[in-house]
Amino acid sequence: MEIIYEFVDKLFKDVPDSHHAKQMKEEILLDMEEKAHDLMNEGKSKEDAINKVLVDFGDFDEVKEALKIGDSKKLAFAKLNLDFSIWGSGLFILLFVFINFYYTPKTIWFIYPTFTILWWPLAMFYYWHRKKEEVK
C-alpha cells in the first residue's frame, strides 16, 4: 500500500496545504485502499490490485478543480494588481503634486486628478477581496 501513498503524495505536491485539501487526500487514500482490498479479496495479487487501482484512478484535474487550485494563482495575480495599482497611483499623484506646486503654486488643482486616480486601486482592492472570498 506504500505505492498508493507515494502516488497520492505526488499528486498533492502542488496543492496548497489546506483543511479541504487534507480531507480530499485522506478520502482518496481510503477509497484507493478499499478498492485494492476488494480486488485482493476477489483473488488478484497485491501488486495487480494496486496497479489496477492506480490505473483506474483517472484524471487528477477534476480533483484540482474541486480544490480550486487555479484560484490561488488568480488570487496572487489579483494581489499583484492591487500592489501595482497602489504604487502606480502614488507615483501619479506625486507627479501631479510636483507639477501643481512647481508651475502653479498659488492654485491647488492636484486634488481633482487625485480623486480620479484613486479609483484604480479601489477597483483592484474590490477585485482582490472578491477573489480572496472565492478561494475560502
C-alpha atoms as a PDB file:
ATOM      1  CA  MET A   1       0.000   0.000   0.000  1.00  0.00           C
ATOM      2  CA  GLU A   2       3.054   2.234   0.237  1.00  0.00           C
ATOM      3  CA  ILE A   3       2.877   2.706  -3.542  1.00  0.00           C
ATOM      4  CA  ILE A   4      -0.603   4.204  -3.201  1.00  0.00           C
ATOM      5  CA  TYR A   5       0.620   6.653  -0.542  1.00  0.00           C
ATOM      6  CA  GLU A   6       3.541   7.724  -2.738  1.00  0.00           C
ATOM      7  CA  PHE A   7       1.217   8.124  -5.738  1.00  0.00           C
ATOM      8  CA  VAL A   8      -1.216  10.345  -3.831  1.00  0.00           C
ATOM      9  CA  ASP A   9       1.636  12.361  -2.282  1.00  0.00           C
ATOM     10  CA  LYS A  10       2.994  13.088  -5.779  1.00  0.00           C
ATOM     11  CA  LEU A  11      -0.450  14.189  -6.926  1.00  0.00           C
ATOM     12  CA  PHE A  12      -0.865  16.556  -3.996  1.00  0.00           C
ATOM     13  CA  LYS A  13       2.652  18.038  -4.013  1.00  0.00           C
ATOM     14  CA  ASP A  14       1.494  21.160  -5.929  1.00  0.00           C
ATOM     15  CA  VAL A  15      -1.730  21.536  -3.960  1.00  0.00           C
ATOM     16  CA  PRO A  16      -1.730  24.326  -1.361  1.00  0.00           C
ATOM     17  CA  ASP A  17      -1.970  22.969   2.159  1.00  0.00           C
ATOM     18  CA  SER A  18      -5.498  23.496   3.466  1.00  0.00           C
ATOM     19  CA  HIS A  19      -8.037  21.657   5.560  1.00  0.00           C
ATOM     20  CA  HIS A  20     -10.134  20.852   2.493  1.00  0.00           C
ATOM     21  CA  ALA A  21      -7.090  19.500   0.624  1.00  0.00           C
ATOM     22  CA  LYS A  22      -6.167  17.248   3.567  1.00  0.00           C
ATOM     23  CA  GLN A  23      -9.697  15.881   3.717  1.00  0.00           C
ATOM     24  CA  MET A  24      -9.706  15.225  -0.024  1.00  0.00           C
ATOM     25  CA  LYS A  25      -6.319  13.485   0.190  1.00  0.00           C
ATOM     26  CA  GLU A  26      -7.476  11.240   3.039  1.00  0.00           C
ATOM     27  CA  GLU A  27     -10.679  10.402   1.170  1.00  0.00           C
ATOM     28  CA  ILE A  28      -8.761   9.466  -1.980  1.00  0.00           C
ATOM     29  CA  LEU A  29      -6.335   7.318   0.033  1.00  0.00           C
ATOM     30  CA  LEU A  30      -9.161   5.491   1.803  1.00  0.00           C
ATOM     31  CA  ASP A  31     -11.040   4.892  -1.448  1.00  0.00           C
ATOM     32  CA  MET A  32      -7.939   3.569  -3.200  1.00  0.00           C
ATOM     33  CA  GLU A  33      -7.035   1.288  -0.271  1.00  0.00           C
ATOM     34  CA  GLU A  34     -10.582  -0.023  -0.078  1.00  0.00           C
ATOM     35  CA  LYS A  35     -10.655  -0.736  -3.797  1.00  0.00           C
ATOM     36  CA  ALA A  36      -7.283  -2.517  -3.579  1.00  0.00           C
ATOM     37  CA  HIS A  37      -8.521  -4.671  -0.689  1.00  0.00           C
ATOM     38  CA  ASP A  38     -11.687  -5.518  -2.628  1.00  0.00           C
ATOM     39  CA  LEU A  39      -9.618  -6.580  -5.634  1.00  0.00           C
ATOM     40  CA  MET A  40      -7.352  -8.703  -3.427  1.00  0.00           C
ATOM     41  CA  ASN A  41     -10.436 -10.343  -1.896  1.00  0.00           C
ATOM     42  CA  GLU A  42     -11.592 -11.196  -5.422  1.00  0.00           C
ATOM     43  CA  GLY A  43      -8.361 -13.130  -5.942  1.00  0.00           C
ATOM     44  CA  LYS A  44      -5.945 -10.637  -7.516  1.00  0.00           C
ATOM     45  CA  SER A  45      -2.416 -10.386  -6.223  1.00  0.00           C
ATOM     46  CA  LYS A  46      -1.411  -7.366  -4.169  1.00  0.00           C
ATOM     47  CA  GLU A  47       0.687  -5.872  -6.988  1.00  0.00           C
ATOM     48  CA  ASP A  48      -2.034  -6.383  -9.598  1.00  0.00           C
ATOM     49  CA  ALA A  49      -4.657  -4.851  -7.319  1.00  0.00           C
ATOM     50  CA  ILE A  50      -2.514  -1.781  -6.595  1.00  0.00           C
ATOM     51  CA  ASN A  51      -1.637  -1.323 -10.276  1.00  0.00           C
ATOM     52  CA  LYS A  52      -5.312  -1.576 -11.264  1.00  0.00           C
ATOM     53  CA  VAL A  53      -6.257   0.988  -8.612  1.00  0.00           C
ATOM     54  CA  LEU A  54      -3.577   3.401  -9.852  1.00  0.00           C
ATOM     55  CA  VAL A  55      -4.617   2.964 -13.484  1.00  0.00           C
ATOM     56  CA  ASP A  56      -8.315   3.336 -12.694  1.00  0.00           C
ATOM     57  CA  PHE A  57      -7.781   6.477 -10.623  1.00  0.00           C
ATOM     58  CA  GLY A  58      -8.426   8.731 -13.592  1.00  0.00           C
ATOM     59  CA  ASP A  59      -7.696  12.380 -14.131  1.00  0.00           C
ATOM     60  CA  PHE A  60      -6.418  14.463 -11.232  1.00  0.00           C
ATOM     61  CA  ASP A  61      -7.627  17.646 -12.957  1.00  0.00           C
ATOM     62  CA  GLU A  62     -11.111  17.029 -11.584  1.00  0.00           C
ATOM     63  CA  VAL A  63      -9.695  16.958  -8.062  1.00  0.00           C
ATOM     64  CA  LYS A  64      -7.726  20.137  -8.730  1.00  0.00           C
ATOM     65  CA  GLU A  65     -10.882  21.803  -9.974  1.00  0.00           C
ATOM     66  CA  ALA A  66     -12.719  20.696  -6.850  1.00  0.00           C
ATOM     67  CA  LEU A  67      -9.945  22.220  -4.740  1.00  0.00           C
ATOM     68  CA  LYS A  68      -9.859  25.343  -6.942  1.00  0.00           C
ATOM     69  CA  ILE A  69      -6.071  25.285  -7.266  1.00  0.00           C
ATOM     70  CA  GLY A  70      -6.138  27.705 -10.163  1.00  0.00           C
ATOM     71  CA  ASP A  71      -7.939  30.247  -7.994  1.00  0.00           C
ATOM     72  CA  SER A  72      -4.958  30.573  -5.670  1.00  0.00           C
ATOM     73  CA  LYS A  73      -2.901  31.694  -8.666  1.00  0.00           C
ATOM     74  CA  LYS A  74      -5.635  34.153  -9.607  1.00  0.00           C
ATOM     75  CA  LEU A  75      -5.606  35.446  -6.035  1.00  0.00           C
ATOM     76  CA  ALA A  76      -1.849  36.015  -6.200  1.00  0.00           C
ATOM     77  CA  PHE A  77      -2.275  37.815  -9.532  1.00  0.00           C
ATOM     78  CA  ALA A  78      -5.075  39.955  -8.068  1.00  0.00           C
ATOM     79  CA  LYS A  79      -2.794  40.874  -5.130  1.00  0.00           C
ATOM     80  CA  LEU A  80      -0.036  41.816  -7.573  1.00  0.00           C
ATOM     81  CA  ASN A  81      -2.505  44.021  -9.473  1.00  0.00           C
ATOM     82  CA  LEU A  82      -3.523  45.684  -6.209  1.00  0.00           C
ATOM     83  CA  ASP A  83       0.101  46.374  -5.258  1.00  0.00           C
ATOM     84  CA  PHE A  84       0.872  47.711  -8.719  1.00  0.00           C
ATOM     85  CA  SER A  85      -2.177  49.997  -8.681  1.00  0.00           C
ATOM     86  CA  ILE A  86      -1.232  51.412  -5.258  1.00  0.00           C
ATOM     87  CA  TRP A  87       2.336  52.170  -6.328  1.00  0.00           C
ATOM     88  CA  GLY A  88       1.287  53.496  -9.722  1.00  0.00           C
ATOM     89  CA  SER A  89      -1.386  55.738  -8.225  1.00  0.00           C
ATOM     90  CA  GLY A  90       1.037  57.048  -5.636  1.00  0.00           C
ATOM     91  CA  LEU A  91       3.595  57.940  -8.296  1.00  0.00           C
ATOM     92  CA  PHE A  92       0.983  59.676 -10.470  1.00  0.00           C
ATOM     93  CA  ILE A  93      -0.299  61.657  -7.507  1.00  0.00           C
ATOM     94  CA  LEU A  94       3.236  62.704  -6.601  1.00  0.00           C
ATOM     95  CA  LEU A  95       3.772  63.789 -10.202  1.00  0.00           C
ATOM     96  CA  PHE A  96       0.630  65.926 -10.118  1.00  0.00           C
ATOM     97  CA  VAL A  97       1.623  67.444  -6.766  1.00  0.00           C
ATOM     98  CA  PHE A  98       5.039  68.332  -8.156  1.00  0.00           C
ATOM     99  CA  ILE A  99       3.597  69.833 -11.344  1.00  0.00           C
ATOM    100  CA  ASN A 100       0.996  71.754  -9.350  1.00  0.00           C
ATOM    101  CA  PHE A 101       3.411  73.326  -6.888  1.00  0.00           C
ATOM    102  CA  TYR A 102       6.191  73.886  -9.408  1.00  0.00           C
ATOM    103  CA  TYR A 103       4.153  75.587 -12.144  1.00  0.00           C
ATOM    104  CA  THR A 104       1.096  76.973 -10.330  1.00  0.00           C
ATOM    105  CA  PRO A 105       1.869  77.234  -6.614  1.00  0.00           C
ATOM    106  CA  LYS A 106      -0.977  79.691  -5.941  1.00  0.00           C
ATOM    107  CA  THR A 107      -3.685  77.377  -7.333  1.00  0.00           C
ATOM    108  CA  ILE A 108      -4.204  73.951  -5.809  1.00  0.00           C
ATOM    109  CA  TRP A 109      -5.642  71.745  -8.547  1.00  0.00           C
ATOM    110  CA  PHE A 110      -3.869  68.396  -7.996  1.00  0.00           C
ATOM    111  CA  ILE A 111      -6.760  67.217  -5.794  1.00  0.00           C
ATOM    112  CA  TYR A 112      -9.086  66.719  -8.782  1.00  0.00           C
ATOM    113  CA  PRO A 113      -6.934  64.228 -10.707  1.00  0.00           C
ATOM    114  CA  THR A 114      -6.089  62.569  -7.379  1.00  0.00           C
ATOM    115  CA  PHE A 115      -9.722  61.582  -6.862  1.00  0.00           C
ATOM    116  CA  THR A 116      -9.832  60.203 -10.386  1.00  0.00           C
ATOM    117  CA  ILE A 117      -6.636  58.185  -9.966  1.00  0.00           C
ATOM    118  CA  LEU A 118      -7.731  56.711  -6.635  1.00  0.00           C
ATOM    119  CA  TRP A 119     -10.466  54.717  -8.391  1.00  0.00           C
ATOM    120  CA  TRP A 120      -7.798  52.418  -9.834  1.00  0.00           C
ATOM    121  CA  PRO A 121      -6.531  50.946  -6.517  1.00  0.00           C
ATOM    122  CA  LEU A 122     -10.071  50.971  -5.131  1.00  0.00           C
ATOM    123  CA  ALA A 123     -11.277  48.812  -8.032  1.00  0.00           C
ATOM    124  CA  MET A 124      -8.269  46.499  -7.655  1.00  0.00           C
ATOM    125  CA  PHE A 125      -8.947  46.181  -3.913  1.00  0.00           C
ATOM    126  CA  TYR A 126     -12.517  45.035  -4.515  1.00  0.00           C
ATOM    127  CA  TYR A 127     -11.339  42.592  -7.208  1.00  0.00           C
ATOM    128  CA  TRP A 128      -8.706  41.154  -4.850  1.00  0.00           C
ATOM    129  CA  HIS A 129     -11.206  40.956  -1.994  1.00  0.00           C
ATOM    130  CA  ARG A 130     -13.724  39.096  -4.173  1.00  0.00           C
ATOM    131  CA  LYS A 131     -11.062  36.585  -5.285  1.00  0.00           C
ATOM    132  CA  LYS A 132      -9.979  36.095  -1.673  1.00  0.00           C
ATOM    133  CA  GLU A 133     -13.563  35.278  -0.673  1.00  0.00           C
ATOM    134  CA  GLU A 134     -13.900  32.818  -3.583  1.00  0.00           C
ATOM    135  CA  VAL A 135     -10.791  30.908  -2.510  1.00  0.00           C
ATOM    136  CA  LYS A 136     -12.116  30.464   1.021  1.00  0.00           C
END
